[in-house]
ModelCIF file with pLDDT and N, C-alpha, C, O atoms, coordinates in Angstrom:
data_MODEL
#
_entry.id   MODEL 
#
_entity.id                         1 
_entity.type                       polymer 
_entity.pdbx_number_of_molecules   1 
#
_entity_poly.entity_id                      1 
_entity_poly.type                           'polypeptide(L)' 
_entity_poly.nstd_linkage                   no 
_entity_poly.nstd_monomer                   no 
_entity_poly.pdbx_seq_one_letter_code       DLTYRARFFPIGPIVALIMCAIVIVGQGYSIFTSGDVNP 
_entity_poly.pdbx_seq_one_letter_code_can   DLTYRARFFPIGPIVALIMCAIVIVGQGYSIFTSGDVNP 
_entity_poly.pdbx_strand_id                 A 
#
loop_
_entity_poly_seq.entity_id 
_entity_poly_seq.num 
_entity_poly_seq.mon_id 
_entity_poly_seq.hetero 
1 1  ASP n 
1 2  LEU n 
1 3  THR n 
1 4  TYR n 
1 5  ARG n 
1 6  ALA n 
1 7  ARG n 
1 8  PHE n 
1 9  PHE n 
1 10 PRO n 
1 11 ILE n 
1 12 GLY n 
1 13 PRO n 
1 14 ILE n 
1 15 VAL n 
1 16 ALA n 
1 17 LEU n 
1 18 ILE n 
1 19 MET n 
1 20 CYS n 
1 21 ALA n 
1 22 ILE n 
1 23 VAL n 
1 24 ILE n 
1 25 VAL n 
1 26 GLY n 
1 27 GLN n 
1 28 GLY n 
1 29 TYR n 
1 30 SER n 
1 31 ILE n 
1 32 PHE n 
1 33 THR n 
1 34 SER n 
1 35 GLY n 
1 36 ASP n 
1 37 VAL n 
1 38 ASN n 
1 39 PRO n 
#
_struct_asym.id          A 
_struct_asym.entity_id   1 
#
loop_
_ma_qa_metric.id 
_ma_qa_metric.mode 
_ma_qa_metric.name 
_ma_qa_metric.software_group_id 
_ma_qa_metric.type 
1 global pLDDT . pLDDT 
2 local  pLDDT . pLDDT 
#
_ma_qa_metric_global.metric_id      1 
_ma_qa_metric_global.metric_value   84.05 
_ma_qa_metric_global.model_id       1 
_ma_qa_metric_global.ordinal_id     1 
#
loop_
_ma_qa_metric_local.label_asym_id 
_ma_qa_metric_local.label_comp_id 
_ma_qa_metric_local.label_seq_id 
_ma_qa_metric_local.metric_id 
_ma_qa_metric_local.metric_value 
_ma_qa_metric_local.model_id 
_ma_qa_metric_local.ordinal_id 
A ASP 1  2 90.00 1 1  
A LEU 2  2 90.00 1 2  
A THR 3  2 88.00 1 3  
A TYR 4  2 90.00 1 4  
A ARG 5  2 91.00 1 5  
A ALA 6  2 90.00 1 6  
A ARG 7  2 88.00 1 7  
A PHE 8  2 88.00 1 8  
A PHE 9  2 88.00 1 9  
A PRO 10 2 92.00 1 10 
A ILE 11 2 94.00 1 11 
A GLY 12 2 94.00 1 12 
A PRO 13 2 95.00 1 13 
A ILE 14 2 96.00 1 14 
A VAL 15 2 95.00 1 15 
A ALA 16 2 94.00 1 16 
A LEU 17 2 94.00 1 17 
A ILE 18 2 94.00 1 18 
A MET 19 2 91.00 1 19 
A CYS 20 2 91.00 1 20 
A ALA 21 2 90.00 1 21 
A ILE 22 2 87.00 1 22 
A VAL 23 2 84.00 1 23 
A ILE 24 2 85.00 1 24 
A VAL 25 2 84.00 1 25 
A GLY 26 2 79.00 1 26 
A GLN 27 2 74.00 1 27 
A GLY 28 2 73.00 1 28 
A TYR 29 2 71.00 1 29 
A SER 30 2 69.00 1 30 
A ILE 31 2 72.00 1 31 
A PHE 32 2 73.00 1 32 
A THR 33 2 70.00 1 33 
A SER 34 2 67.00 1 34 
A GLY 35 2 70.00 1 35 
A ASP 36 2 72.00 1 36 
A VAL 37 2 73.00 1 37 
A ASN 38 2 74.00 1 38 
A PRO 39 2 78.00 1 39 
#
loop_
_atom_site.group_PDB 
_atom_site.id 
_atom_site.type_symbol 
_atom_site.label_atom_id 
_atom_site.label_alt_id 
_atom_site.label_comp_id 
_atom_site.label_asym_id 
_atom_site.label_entity_id 
_atom_site.label_seq_id 
_atom_site.pdbx_PDB_ins_code 
_atom_site.Cartn_x 
_atom_site.Cartn_y 
_atom_site.Cartn_z 
_atom_site.occupancy 
_atom_site.B_iso_or_equiv 
_atom_site.pdbx_formal_charge 
_atom_site.auth_seq_id 
_atom_site.auth_comp_id 
_atom_site.auth_asym_id 
_atom_site.auth_atom_id 
_atom_site.pdbx_PDB_model_num 
ATOM 1   N N  . ASP A 1 1  ? 20.645 137.614 137.507 1.00 90.00 ? 1  ASP A N  1 
ATOM 2   C CA . ASP A 1 1  ? 20.624 138.680 137.026 1.00 90.00 ? 1  ASP A CA 1 
ATOM 3   C C  . ASP A 1 1  ? 22.487 138.716 136.099 1.00 90.00 ? 1  ASP A C  1 
ATOM 4   O O  . ASP A 1 1  ? 23.052 139.695 135.612 1.00 90.00 ? 1  ASP A O  1 
ATOM 5   N N  . LEU A 1 2  ? 22.993 137.193 136.173 1.00 90.00 ? 2  LEU A N  1 
ATOM 6   C CA . LEU A 1 2  ? 24.627 137.015 135.897 1.00 90.00 ? 2  LEU A CA 1 
ATOM 7   C C  . LEU A 1 2  ? 24.051 136.203 134.460 1.00 90.00 ? 2  LEU A C  1 
ATOM 8   O O  . LEU A 1 2  ? 23.232 135.331 134.171 1.00 90.00 ? 2  LEU A O  1 
ATOM 9   N N  . THR A 1 3  ? 24.904 136.968 133.878 1.00 88.00 ? 3  THR A N  1 
ATOM 10  C CA . THR A 1 3  ? 24.836 136.310 132.169 1.00 88.00 ? 3  THR A CA 1 
ATOM 11  C C  . THR A 1 3  ? 24.597 134.876 132.071 1.00 88.00 ? 3  THR A C  1 
ATOM 12  O O  . THR A 1 3  ? 23.852 134.440 131.193 1.00 88.00 ? 3  THR A O  1 
ATOM 13  N N  . TYR A 1 4  ? 25.225 134.044 132.982 1.00 90.00 ? 4  TYR A N  1 
ATOM 14  C CA . TYR A 1 4  ? 25.371 132.621 132.671 1.00 90.00 ? 4  TYR A CA 1 
ATOM 15  C C  . TYR A 1 4  ? 25.246 132.069 134.138 1.00 90.00 ? 4  TYR A C  1 
ATOM 16  O O  . TYR A 1 4  ? 25.969 132.198 135.126 1.00 90.00 ? 4  TYR A O  1 
ATOM 17  N N  . ARG A 1 5  ? 24.353 131.570 133.971 1.00 91.00 ? 5  ARG A N  1 
ATOM 18  C CA . ARG A 1 5  ? 24.334 131.098 135.296 1.00 91.00 ? 5  ARG A CA 1 
ATOM 19  C C  . ARG A 1 5  ? 24.008 129.463 135.326 1.00 91.00 ? 5  ARG A C  1 
ATOM 20  O O  . ARG A 1 5  ? 23.190 128.809 134.681 1.00 91.00 ? 5  ARG A O  1 
ATOM 21  N N  . ALA A 1 6  ? 25.292 128.945 136.659 1.00 90.00 ? 6  ALA A N  1 
ATOM 22  C CA . ALA A 1 6  ? 25.171 127.436 136.756 1.00 90.00 ? 6  ALA A CA 1 
ATOM 23  C C  . ALA A 1 6  ? 24.233 127.035 137.163 1.00 90.00 ? 6  ALA A C  1 
ATOM 24  O O  . ALA A 1 6  ? 23.570 127.537 138.071 1.00 90.00 ? 6  ALA A O  1 
ATOM 25  N N  . ARG A 1 7  ? 23.910 125.649 136.319 1.00 88.00 ? 7  ARG A N  1 
ATOM 26  C CA . ARG A 1 7  ? 21.982 125.982 136.724 1.00 88.00 ? 7  ARG A CA 1 
ATOM 27  C C  . ARG A 1 7  ? 21.773 124.696 138.236 1.00 88.00 ? 7  ARG A C  1 
ATOM 28  O O  . ARG A 1 7  ? 20.625 124.537 138.650 1.00 88.00 ? 7  ARG A O  1 
ATOM 29  N N  . PHE A 1 8  ? 22.834 123.964 138.856 1.00 88.00 ? 8  PHE A N  1 
ATOM 30  C CA . PHE A 1 8  ? 22.847 123.371 140.107 1.00 88.00 ? 8  PHE A CA 1 
ATOM 31  C C  . PHE A 1 8  ? 24.106 123.596 140.999 1.00 88.00 ? 8  PHE A C  1 
ATOM 32  O O  . PHE A 1 8  ? 25.142 122.954 141.173 1.00 88.00 ? 8  PHE A O  1 
ATOM 33  N N  . PHE A 1 9  ? 23.705 124.530 141.395 1.00 88.00 ? 9  PHE A N  1 
ATOM 34  C CA . PHE A 1 9  ? 24.678 125.302 142.206 1.00 88.00 ? 9  PHE A CA 1 
ATOM 35  C C  . PHE A 1 9  ? 23.804 124.933 143.699 1.00 88.00 ? 9  PHE A C  1 
ATOM 36  O O  . PHE A 1 9  ? 22.649 124.531 143.553 1.00 88.00 ? 9  PHE A O  1 
ATOM 37  N N  . PRO A 1 10 ? 24.291 125.055 144.959 1.00 92.00 ? 10 PRO A N  1 
ATOM 38  C CA . PRO A 1 10 ? 25.838 124.903 145.185 1.00 92.00 ? 10 PRO A CA 1 
ATOM 39  C C  . PRO A 1 10 ? 25.938 123.405 144.802 1.00 92.00 ? 10 PRO A C  1 
ATOM 40  O O  . PRO A 1 10 ? 27.124 123.075 144.780 1.00 92.00 ? 10 PRO A O  1 
ATOM 41  N N  . ILE A 1 11 ? 25.119 122.402 144.499 1.00 94.00 ? 11 ILE A N  1 
ATOM 42  C CA . ILE A 1 11 ? 25.303 121.077 144.298 1.00 94.00 ? 11 ILE A CA 1 
ATOM 43  C C  . ILE A 1 11 ? 26.363 120.938 143.502 1.00 94.00 ? 11 ILE A C  1 
ATOM 44  O O  . ILE A 1 11 ? 27.289 120.222 143.882 1.00 94.00 ? 11 ILE A O  1 
ATOM 45  N N  . GLY A 1 12 ? 26.425 121.644 142.166 1.00 94.00 ? 12 GLY A N  1 
ATOM 46  C CA . GLY A 1 12 ? 27.690 121.113 141.336 1.00 94.00 ? 12 GLY A CA 1 
ATOM 47  C C  . GLY A 1 12 ? 28.624 121.113 141.358 1.00 94.00 ? 12 GLY A C  1 
ATOM 48  O O  . GLY A 1 12 ? 29.312 120.241 140.828 1.00 94.00 ? 12 GLY A O  1 
ATOM 49  N N  . PRO A 1 13 ? 29.202 122.411 142.184 1.00 95.00 ? 13 PRO A N  1 
ATOM 50  C CA . PRO A 1 13 ? 30.633 122.686 142.522 1.00 95.00 ? 13 PRO A CA 1 
ATOM 51  C C  . PRO A 1 13 ? 31.016 121.586 143.452 1.00 95.00 ? 13 PRO A C  1 
ATOM 52  O O  . PRO A 1 13 ? 32.126 121.057 143.401 1.00 95.00 ? 13 PRO A O  1 
ATOM 53  N N  . ILE A 1 14 ? 29.634 121.074 144.723 1.00 96.00 ? 14 ILE A N  1 
ATOM 54  C CA . ILE A 1 14 ? 30.524 121.193 145.841 1.00 96.00 ? 14 ILE A CA 1 
ATOM 55  C C  . ILE A 1 14 ? 31.054 119.063 145.209 1.00 96.00 ? 14 ILE A C  1 
ATOM 56  O O  . ILE A 1 14 ? 32.004 118.379 145.589 1.00 96.00 ? 14 ILE A O  1 
ATOM 57  N N  . VAL A 1 15 ? 30.073 118.762 144.329 1.00 95.00 ? 15 VAL A N  1 
ATOM 58  C CA . VAL A 1 15 ? 30.146 117.332 143.746 1.00 95.00 ? 15 VAL A CA 1 
ATOM 59  C C  . VAL A 1 15 ? 31.759 117.018 142.561 1.00 95.00 ? 15 VAL A C  1 
ATOM 60  O O  . VAL A 1 15 ? 32.467 116.046 142.299 1.00 95.00 ? 15 VAL A O  1 
ATOM 61  N N  . ALA A 1 16 ? 31.695 118.799 142.059 1.00 94.00 ? 16 ALA A N  1 
ATOM 62  C CA . ALA A 1 16 ? 32.689 118.055 140.906 1.00 94.00 ? 16 ALA A CA 1 
ATOM 63  C C  . ALA A 1 16 ? 34.260 117.979 142.007 1.00 94.00 ? 16 ALA A C  1 
ATOM 64  O O  . ALA A 1 16 ? 35.018 117.014 142.102 1.00 94.00 ? 16 ALA A O  1 
ATOM 65  N N  . LEU A 1 17 ? 34.390 119.510 142.823 1.00 94.00 ? 17 LEU A N  1 
ATOM 66  C CA . LEU A 1 17 ? 35.415 119.543 144.156 1.00 94.00 ? 17 LEU A CA 1 
ATOM 67  C C  . LEU A 1 17 ? 35.102 118.318 144.757 1.00 94.00 ? 17 LEU A C  1 
ATOM 68  O O  . LEU A 1 17 ? 36.132 118.488 145.410 1.00 94.00 ? 17 LEU A O  1 
ATOM 69  N N  . ILE A 1 18 ? 34.598 117.056 145.241 1.00 94.00 ? 18 ILE A N  1 
ATOM 70  C CA . ILE A 1 18 ? 34.829 116.046 145.541 1.00 94.00 ? 18 ILE A CA 1 
ATOM 71  C C  . ILE A 1 18 ? 35.090 114.648 144.550 1.00 94.00 ? 18 ILE A C  1 
ATOM 72  O O  . ILE A 1 18 ? 35.612 113.614 144.968 1.00 94.00 ? 18 ILE A O  1 
ATOM 73  N N  . MET A 1 19 ? 34.647 114.848 143.270 1.00 91.00 ? 19 MET A N  1 
ATOM 74  C CA . MET A 1 19 ? 35.170 113.415 142.705 1.00 91.00 ? 19 MET A CA 1 
ATOM 75  C C  . MET A 1 19 ? 36.482 114.579 142.167 1.00 91.00 ? 19 MET A C  1 
ATOM 76  O O  . MET A 1 19 ? 37.468 113.916 142.487 1.00 91.00 ? 19 MET A O  1 
ATOM 77  N N  . CYS A 1 20 ? 36.886 115.527 141.723 1.00 91.00 ? 20 CYS A N  1 
ATOM 78  C CA . CYS A 1 20 ? 38.420 115.693 141.906 1.00 91.00 ? 20 CYS A CA 1 
ATOM 79  C C  . CYS A 1 20 ? 39.237 115.047 143.171 1.00 91.00 ? 20 CYS A C  1 
ATOM 80  O O  . CYS A 1 20 ? 40.209 114.302 143.045 1.00 91.00 ? 20 CYS A O  1 
ATOM 81  N N  . ALA A 1 21 ? 38.713 115.431 144.306 1.00 90.00 ? 21 ALA A N  1 
ATOM 82  C CA . ALA A 1 21 ? 40.026 115.153 145.438 1.00 90.00 ? 21 ALA A CA 1 
ATOM 83  C C  . ALA A 1 21 ? 40.209 113.606 145.149 1.00 90.00 ? 21 ALA A C  1 
ATOM 84  O O  . ALA A 1 21 ? 41.297 113.029 145.146 1.00 90.00 ? 21 ALA A O  1 
ATOM 85  N N  . ILE A 1 22 ? 38.832 112.958 144.878 1.00 87.00 ? 22 ILE A N  1 
ATOM 86  C CA . ILE A 1 22 ? 39.146 111.589 144.673 1.00 87.00 ? 22 ILE A CA 1 
ATOM 87  C C  . ILE A 1 22 ? 39.751 111.660 143.740 1.00 87.00 ? 22 ILE A C  1 
ATOM 88  O O  . ILE A 1 22 ? 40.945 111.695 144.035 1.00 87.00 ? 22 ILE A O  1 
ATOM 89  N N  . VAL A 1 23 ? 39.618 111.695 142.910 1.00 84.00 ? 23 VAL A N  1 
ATOM 90  C CA . VAL A 1 23 ? 40.687 111.351 141.162 1.00 84.00 ? 23 VAL A CA 1 
ATOM 91  C C  . VAL A 1 23 ? 42.534 111.574 141.882 1.00 84.00 ? 23 VAL A C  1 
ATOM 92  O O  . VAL A 1 23 ? 43.452 110.856 141.485 1.00 84.00 ? 23 VAL A O  1 
ATOM 93  N N  . ILE A 1 24 ? 42.746 112.758 143.021 1.00 85.00 ? 24 ILE A N  1 
ATOM 94  C CA . ILE A 1 24 ? 43.901 113.111 143.369 1.00 85.00 ? 24 ILE A CA 1 
ATOM 95  C C  . ILE A 1 24 ? 44.733 111.954 144.007 1.00 85.00 ? 24 ILE A C  1 
ATOM 96  O O  . ILE A 1 24 ? 45.855 111.552 143.699 1.00 85.00 ? 24 ILE A O  1 
ATOM 97  N N  . VAL A 1 25 ? 43.516 111.350 145.386 1.00 84.00 ? 25 VAL A N  1 
ATOM 98  C CA . VAL A 1 25 ? 44.347 110.767 146.297 1.00 84.00 ? 25 VAL A CA 1 
ATOM 99  C C  . VAL A 1 25 ? 43.968 109.403 145.348 1.00 84.00 ? 25 VAL A C  1 
ATOM 100 O O  . VAL A 1 25 ? 44.443 108.457 145.976 1.00 84.00 ? 25 VAL A O  1 
ATOM 101 N N  . GLY A 1 26 ? 43.393 108.945 144.249 1.00 79.00 ? 26 GLY A N  1 
ATOM 102 C CA . GLY A 1 26 ? 43.175 108.155 143.944 1.00 79.00 ? 26 GLY A CA 1 
ATOM 103 C C  . GLY A 1 26 ? 44.557 107.613 142.797 1.00 79.00 ? 26 GLY A C  1 
ATOM 104 O O  . GLY A 1 26 ? 44.544 106.566 142.150 1.00 79.00 ? 26 GLY A O  1 
ATOM 105 N N  . GLN A 1 27 ? 45.420 108.420 142.799 1.00 74.00 ? 27 GLN A N  1 
ATOM 106 C CA . GLN A 1 27 ? 46.312 108.240 141.998 1.00 74.00 ? 27 GLN A CA 1 
ATOM 107 C C  . GLN A 1 27 ? 47.112 106.911 141.639 1.00 74.00 ? 27 GLN A C  1 
ATOM 108 O O  . GLN A 1 27 ? 47.162 106.145 140.678 1.00 74.00 ? 27 GLN A O  1 
ATOM 109 N N  . GLY A 1 28 ? 47.823 107.037 143.115 1.00 73.00 ? 28 GLY A N  1 
ATOM 110 C CA . GLY A 1 28 ? 48.360 105.508 143.621 1.00 73.00 ? 28 GLY A CA 1 
ATOM 111 C C  . GLY A 1 28 ? 47.624 104.285 143.514 1.00 73.00 ? 28 GLY A C  1 
ATOM 112 O O  . GLY A 1 28 ? 48.235 103.217 143.478 1.00 73.00 ? 28 GLY A O  1 
ATOM 113 N N  . TYR A 1 29 ? 46.189 104.338 143.452 1.00 71.00 ? 29 TYR A N  1 
ATOM 114 C CA . TYR A 1 29 ? 45.484 103.124 144.056 1.00 71.00 ? 29 TYR A CA 1 
ATOM 115 C C  . TYR A 1 29 ? 46.040 102.209 143.183 1.00 71.00 ? 29 TYR A C  1 
ATOM 116 O O  . TYR A 1 29 ? 46.611 101.252 143.705 1.00 71.00 ? 29 TYR A O  1 
ATOM 117 N N  . SER A 1 30 ? 46.012 102.269 142.100 1.00 69.00 ? 30 SER A N  1 
ATOM 118 C CA . SER A 1 30 ? 47.119 100.369 141.045 1.00 69.00 ? 30 SER A CA 1 
ATOM 119 C C  . SER A 1 30 ? 48.096 99.919  142.182 1.00 69.00 ? 30 SER A C  1 
ATOM 120 O O  . SER A 1 30 ? 48.318 98.957  142.917 1.00 69.00 ? 30 SER A O  1 
ATOM 121 N N  . ILE A 1 31 ? 48.650 101.455 141.836 1.00 72.00 ? 31 ILE A N  1 
ATOM 122 C CA . ILE A 1 31 ? 50.415 100.996 142.626 1.00 72.00 ? 31 ILE A CA 1 
ATOM 123 C C  . ILE A 1 31 ? 49.905 100.084 144.461 1.00 72.00 ? 31 ILE A C  1 
ATOM 124 O O  . ILE A 1 31 ? 50.532 99.386  145.258 1.00 72.00 ? 31 ILE A O  1 
ATOM 125 N N  . PHE A 1 32 ? 48.788 100.509 144.415 1.00 73.00 ? 32 PHE A N  1 
ATOM 126 C CA . PHE A 1 32 ? 49.019 99.694  146.112 1.00 73.00 ? 32 PHE A CA 1 
ATOM 127 C C  . PHE A 1 32 ? 48.037 98.714  146.068 1.00 73.00 ? 32 PHE A C  1 
ATOM 128 O O  . PHE A 1 32 ? 48.413 97.667  146.596 1.00 73.00 ? 32 PHE A O  1 
ATOM 129 N N  . THR A 1 33 ? 46.687 98.683  145.532 1.00 70.00 ? 33 THR A N  1 
ATOM 130 C CA . THR A 1 33 ? 46.529 97.273  145.370 1.00 70.00 ? 33 THR A CA 1 
ATOM 131 C C  . THR A 1 33 ? 47.369 96.194  144.576 1.00 70.00 ? 33 THR A C  1 
ATOM 132 O O  . THR A 1 33 ? 47.249 94.995  144.826 1.00 70.00 ? 33 THR A O  1 
ATOM 133 N N  . SER A 1 34 ? 48.077 96.595  143.777 1.00 67.00 ? 34 SER A N  1 
ATOM 134 C CA . SER A 1 34 ? 49.267 95.138  143.338 1.00 67.00 ? 34 SER A CA 1 
ATOM 135 C C  . SER A 1 34 ? 50.049 94.969  144.719 1.00 67.00 ? 34 SER A C  1 
ATOM 136 O O  . SER A 1 34 ? 50.987 94.176  144.806 1.00 67.00 ? 34 SER A O  1 
ATOM 137 N N  . GLY A 1 35 ? 49.662 95.674  145.690 1.00 70.00 ? 35 GLY A N  1 
ATOM 138 C CA . GLY A 1 35 ? 50.621 94.593  146.217 1.00 70.00 ? 35 GLY A CA 1 
ATOM 139 C C  . GLY A 1 35 ? 52.159 95.000  145.888 1.00 70.00 ? 35 GLY A C  1 
ATOM 140 O O  . GLY A 1 35 ? 52.676 94.914  147.001 1.00 70.00 ? 35 GLY A O  1 
ATOM 141 N N  . ASP A 1 36 ? 52.979 95.318  145.161 1.00 72.00 ? 36 ASP A N  1 
ATOM 142 C CA . ASP A 1 36 ? 54.563 96.027  145.336 1.00 72.00 ? 36 ASP A CA 1 
ATOM 143 C C  . ASP A 1 36 ? 54.577 97.199  145.048 1.00 72.00 ? 36 ASP A C  1 
ATOM 144 O O  . ASP A 1 36 ? 54.731 97.687  143.928 1.00 72.00 ? 36 ASP A O  1 
ATOM 145 N N  . VAL A 1 37 ? 54.362 97.900  146.370 1.00 73.00 ? 37 VAL A N  1 
ATOM 146 C CA . VAL A 1 37 ? 54.464 99.428  146.108 1.00 73.00 ? 37 VAL A CA 1 
ATOM 147 C C  . VAL A 1 37 ? 55.835 99.730  146.474 1.00 73.00 ? 37 VAL A C  1 
ATOM 148 O O  . VAL A 1 37 ? 56.568 99.743  147.463 1.00 73.00 ? 37 VAL A O  1 
ATOM 149 N N  . ASN A 1 38 ? 55.857 100.090 144.594 1.00 74.00 ? 38 ASN A N  1 
ATOM 150 C CA . ASN A 1 38 ? 57.426 100.415 144.171 1.00 74.00 ? 38 ASN A CA 1 
ATOM 151 C C  . ASN A 1 38 ? 57.976 102.343 144.821 1.00 74.00 ? 38 ASN A C  1 
ATOM 152 O O  . ASN A 1 38 ? 57.662 103.241 144.040 1.00 74.00 ? 38 ASN A O  1 
ATOM 153 N N  . PRO A 1 39 ? 58.408 102.593 145.589 1.00 78.00 ? 39 PRO A N  1 
ATOM 154 C CA . PRO A 1 39 ? 58.749 103.767 145.978 1.00 78.00 ? 39 PRO A CA 1 
ATOM 155 C C  . PRO A 1 39 ? 58.758 104.449 145.013 1.00 78.00 ? 39 PRO A C  1 
ATOM 156 O O  . PRO A 1 39 ? 59.056 105.640 145.102 1.00 78.00 ? 39 PRO A O  1 
#
């Protein structure tokens, strides 16, 4: 009955949530891998 229905529920929001979390945690990835961690 929803006007617009998200096709891939519940996988869609779960995958998007996990991918966003990876991006957030990975923010400092290049800093850690460079070996020279600048606070």
